[in-house]
Amino acid sequence: MTPEMTFEVFKLLVEEVREARRARRDLSNMFMTLNTAGVGALGFLARGDQPSGAGLLAWAAMALVLTCLIWRLSNQYYSGMLATKYEILYEYEKKLGIDPLQREWGGLPRRGLMRWFSFERAMPFIFILGYGVFVAFHTSPADVSGVTAAILAGVHRLLGGVL
């Protein structure tokens, strides 16, 4: 491969990294919006004048927790994909005889909290913690079991007694 071709492939790979980072950011924005709307919905349901009661709050919060877990798994997927793309870029940097991406990565802080903490990683867990506190404040185990029994009875009727 000629040096010109190597450089063109390198530029293409840099653009792919940029697109993957943009897609990860857009996905995180979508999950942030979804969870913010979920917080509003929980607030609406917690007004107290709803016949569904606290059990529905618990189920809604569990759905939002599931959303947060999917968010976290998506973040992990993109982190792994980007790590692989950077490894390939580093190989091309060696071929080109330049290493700006490796030097930039090497210059980032790697000590203490910054090594393990990032806003993107923390947000799903912060929402999960908030949902847990909310549910603990607004529900009792009897509320949750009552809604669970009603849901199971409805599913049983829907399926015509198959279960």
Protein backbone atom coordinates (compact mmCIF):
# COMPACT_ATOMS: atom_id res chain seq x y z
CA MET A 1 0.00 0.00 0.00
CA THR A 2 1.36 3.38 -0.98
CA PRO A 3 1.80 6.11 1.65
CA GLU A 4 -0.98 8.10 -0.03
CA MET A 5 -3.38 5.18 0.18
CA THR A 6 -2.38 4.54 3.79
CA PHE A 7 -3.11 8.17 4.64
CA GLU A 8 -6.50 8.02 2.87
CA VAL A 9 -7.46 4.90 4.82
CA PHE A 10 -6.29 6.63 8.01
CA LYS A 11 -8.51 9.64 7.24
CA LEU A 12 -11.45 7.32 6.57
CA LEU A 13 -10.90 5.55 9.91
CA VAL A 14 -10.73 8.89 11.74
CA GLU A 15 -14.05 9.85 10.16
CA GLU A 16 -15.56 6.50 11.23
CA VAL A 17 -14.45 7.15 14.82
CA ARG A 18 -16.02 10.60 14.65
CA GLU A 19 -19.31 9.10 13.40
CA ALA A 20 -19.31 6.39 16.09
CA ARG A 21 -18.72 9.00 18.79
CA ARG A 22 -21.55 11.11 17.37
CA ALA A 23 -23.88 8.09 17.33
CA ARG A 24 -23.00 7.30 20.96
CA ARG A 25 -23.68 10.91 21.97
CA ASP A 26 -27.01 10.94 20.11
CA LEU A 27 -28.02 7.65 21.74
CA SER A 28 -27.13 9.01 25.19
CA ASN A 29 -29.14 12.16 24.47
CA MET A 30 -32.12 10.02 23.51
CA PHE A 31 -31.88 7.96 26.72
CA MET A 32 -31.45 11.13 28.77
CA THR A 33 -34.60 12.59 27.19
CA LEU A 34 -36.51 9.34 27.73
CA ASN A 35 -35.54 9.21 31.40
CA THR A 36 -36.31 12.88 31.94
CA ALA A 37 -39.78 12.26 30.51
CA GLY A 38 -40.03 9.20 32.74
CA VAL A 39 -39.29 11.31 35.81
CA GLY A 40 -42.10 13.64 34.75
CA ALA A 41 -44.46 10.70 34.27
CA LEU A 42 -43.62 9.35 37.71
CA GLY A 43 -44.31 12.77 39.18
CA PHE A 44 -47.66 12.83 37.39
CA LEU A 45 -48.56 9.37 38.66
CA ALA A 46 -47.51 10.27 42.21
CA ARG A 47 -49.98 13.15 42.48
CA GLY A 48 -52.17 10.99 44.66
CA ASP A 49 -55.46 11.32 42.79
CA GLN A 50 -54.76 8.34 40.55
CA PRO A 51 -56.82 5.17 41.15
CA SER A 52 -53.88 2.97 40.12
CA GLY A 53 -51.95 3.71 43.31
CA ALA A 54 -48.39 3.19 44.30
CA GLY A 55 -47.98 -0.20 42.62
CA LEU A 56 -48.16 1.38 39.21
CA LEU A 57 -45.39 3.76 40.27
CA ALA A 58 -43.21 0.77 41.10
CA TRP A 59 -43.87 -0.86 37.73
CA ALA A 60 -43.20 2.38 35.85
CA ALA A 61 -39.98 2.88 37.78
CA MET A 62 -38.91 -0.70 36.98
CA ALA A 63 -39.50 -0.03 33.27
CA LEU A 64 -37.33 3.07 33.57
CA VAL A 65 -34.63 1.09 35.40
CA LEU A 66 -34.65 -1.39 32.51
CA THR A 67 -34.23 1.55 30.14
CA CYS A 68 -31.20 2.68 32.16
CA LEU A 69 -29.65 -0.78 31.99
CA ILE A 70 -30.08 -0.82 28.21
CA TRP A 71 -28.50 2.65 28.15
CA ARG A 72 -25.49 1.38 30.10
CA LEU A 73 -25.09 -1.67 27.85
CA SER A 74 -25.25 0.59 24.80
CA ASN A 75 -22.50 2.75 26.28
CA GLN A 76 -20.37 -0.35 26.84
CA TYR A 77 -20.92 -1.47 23.26
CA TYR A 78 -19.82 1.87 21.84
CA SER A 79 -16.81 2.01 24.18
CA GLY A 80 -15.67 -1.40 22.98
CA MET A 81 -16.24 -0.53 19.35
CA LEU A 82 -14.30 2.72 19.69
CA ALA A 83 -11.43 0.98 21.47
CA THR A 84 -11.14 -1.41 18.53
CA LYS A 85 -11.27 1.44 16.02
CA TYR A 86 -8.51 3.27 17.91
CA GLU A 87 -6.32 0.16 17.91
CA ILE A 88 -6.62 0.02 14.13
CA LEU A 89 -5.87 3.74 13.88
CA TYR A 90 -2.73 3.25 15.99
CA GLU A 91 -1.55 0.58 13.54
CA TYR A 92 -1.97 3.05 10.69
CA GLU A 93 -0.15 5.71 12.67
CA LYS A 94 2.83 3.35 12.87
CA LYS A 95 2.72 2.87 9.10
CA LEU A 96 2.54 6.63 8.56
CA GLY A 97 5.31 7.38 11.05
CA ILE A 98 3.18 9.81 13.05
CA ASP A 99 1.31 9.26 16.31
CA PRO A 100 -0.91 12.24 17.21
CA LEU A 101 -3.82 10.10 18.46
CA GLN A 102 -1.60 7.90 20.63
CA ARG A 103 0.13 10.95 22.12
CA GLU A 104 -3.23 12.62 22.81
CA TRP A 105 -4.54 9.48 24.51
CA GLY A 106 -1.33 9.14 26.51
CA GLY A 107 -1.62 12.73 27.71
CA LEU A 108 -5.07 12.31 29.24
CA PRO A 109 -5.35 11.98 33.04
CA ARG A 110 -5.40 8.37 34.19
CA ARG A 111 -5.35 8.70 37.95
CA GLY A 112 -7.96 8.63 40.64
CA LEU A 113 -11.63 9.19 39.98
CA MET A 114 -11.16 10.32 36.36
CA ARG A 115 -10.01 6.82 35.43
CA TRP A 116 -13.31 5.24 36.51
CA PHE A 117 -15.85 8.03 36.42
CA SER A 118 -17.47 9.75 33.49
CA PHE A 119 -20.76 11.54 33.21
CA GLU A 120 -21.82 9.17 30.48
CA ARG A 121 -21.15 6.09 32.62
CA ALA A 122 -22.66 7.56 35.77
CA MET A 123 -25.99 8.88 34.47
CA PRO A 124 -27.81 5.53 34.09
CA PHE A 125 -26.88 4.64 37.67
CA ILE A 126 -27.85 8.06 38.99
CA PHE A 127 -31.29 7.66 37.42
CA ILE A 128 -31.59 4.11 38.83
CA LEU A 129 -30.72 5.39 42.30
CA GLY A 130 -33.30 8.16 41.93
CA TYR A 131 -35.97 5.70 40.84
CA GLY A 132 -35.16 3.45 43.80
CA VAL A 133 -35.48 6.32 46.26
CA PHE A 134 -38.71 7.45 44.61
CA VAL A 135 -40.28 4.00 44.77
CA ALA A 136 -39.15 3.45 48.36
CA PHE A 137 -40.76 6.75 49.33
CA HIS A 138 -44.06 6.24 47.48
CA THR A 139 -44.84 2.51 47.66
CA SER A 140 -45.11 -0.43 50.00
CA PRO A 141 -44.58 -4.12 49.19
CA ALA A 142 -48.36 -4.65 49.46
CA ASP A 143 -48.94 -2.03 46.75
CA VAL A 144 -46.51 -3.75 44.38
CA SER A 145 -47.90 -7.24 45.06
CA GLY A 146 -51.47 -5.99 44.50
CA VAL A 147 -50.61 -4.55 41.09
CA THR A 148 -48.62 -7.68 40.20
CA ALA A 149 -51.61 -9.89 41.06
CA ALA A 150 -53.92 -7.69 38.97
CA ILE A 151 -51.55 -7.83 36.00
CA LEU A 152 -51.18 -11.59 36.23
CA ALA A 153 -54.96 -12.02 36.46
CA GLY A 154 -55.41 -9.85 33.38
CA VAL A 155 -52.79 -11.83 31.45
CA HIS A 156 -54.48 -15.06 32.53
CA ARG A 157 -57.87 -13.81 31.26
CA LEU A 158 -56.28 -12.55 28.04
CA LEU A 159 -54.68 -15.87 27.29
CA GLY A 160 -57.92 -17.72 28.04
CA GLY A 161 -56.68 -19.73 30.99
CA VAL A 162 -53.65 -21.20 29.18
CA LEU A 163 -51.39 -20.36 32.14
